[in-house]
Amino acid sequence: MLAGTLRLALVALGGWALALAQTPPWTIFALVAVGMAAYGLATLLAVHYTSWGAER
């Protein structure tokens, strides 16, 4: 849930900033790639640090 919110915020705010700056179209695709990487990293960290029960 938080990873998706992070990705949405990153792409929405970054896309808005890139549109205001009138950057080339490839920068939007790069921003989406960075958003997907942030989503994957946040998911990885959430899975790693979540308590999955008692250790044996």
Protein backbone atom coordinates (compact mmCIF):
# COMPACT_ATOMS: atom_id res chain seq x y z
CA MET A 1 0.00 0.00 0.00
CA LEU A 2 2.69 2.49 0.96
CA ALA A 3 4.87 1.50 -1.99
CA GLY A 4 2.04 2.29 -4.40
CA THR A 5 1.42 5.63 -2.71
CA LEU A 6 5.13 6.44 -2.94
CA ARG A 7 5.15 5.63 -6.66
CA LEU A 8 1.99 7.68 -7.29
CA ALA A 9 3.32 10.71 -5.43
CA LEU A 10 6.71 10.51 -7.11
CA VAL A 11 5.28 10.26 -10.63
CA ALA A 12 2.51 12.81 -10.07
CA LEU A 13 4.70 15.48 -8.51
CA GLY A 14 7.64 14.76 -10.79
CA GLY A 15 5.41 14.75 -13.87
CA TRP A 16 3.91 18.06 -12.85
CA ALA A 17 7.38 19.56 -12.36
CA LEU A 18 8.63 18.17 -15.68
CA ALA A 19 5.57 19.51 -17.50
CA LEU A 20 6.09 22.96 -16.01
CA ALA A 21 9.73 22.88 -17.07
CA GLN A 22 8.69 21.81 -20.59
CA THR A 23 11.25 19.00 -20.66
CA PRO A 24 11.52 16.52 -23.56
CA PRO A 25 9.14 13.55 -23.59
CA TRP A 26 11.86 11.03 -22.72
CA THR A 27 12.14 12.58 -19.24
CA ILE A 28 8.59 11.45 -18.45
CA PHE A 29 9.53 7.88 -19.33
CA ALA A 30 12.65 8.17 -17.18
CA LEU A 31 10.50 9.44 -14.32
CA VAL A 32 8.15 6.47 -14.65
CA ALA A 33 11.17 4.14 -14.57
CA VAL A 34 12.42 5.80 -11.39
CA GLY A 35 8.92 5.48 -9.91
CA MET A 36 8.84 1.76 -10.68
CA ALA A 37 12.30 1.32 -9.14
CA ALA A 38 11.14 3.14 -5.99
CA TYR A 39 8.05 0.91 -5.88
CA GLY A 40 10.16 -2.24 -6.14
CA LEU A 41 12.64 -1.06 -3.52
CA ALA A 42 9.89 -0.09 -1.08
CA THR A 43 8.23 -3.48 -1.58
CA LEU A 44 11.54 -5.28 -1.07
CA LEU A 45 12.21 -3.40 2.16
CA ALA A 46 8.68 -4.00 3.45
CA VAL A 47 8.94 -7.74 2.83
CA HIS A 48 12.42 -7.92 4.34
CA TYR A 49 11.59 -6.05 7.54
CA THR A 50 8.14 -7.54 8.16
CA SER A 51 7.91 -9.99 11.04
CA TRP A 52 6.84 -13.32 9.56
CA GLY A 53 6.40 -15.18 12.83
CA ALA A 54 8.67 -16.75 15.39
CA GLU A 55 12.21 -17.62 14.32
CA ARG A 56 13.17 -21.25 14.74
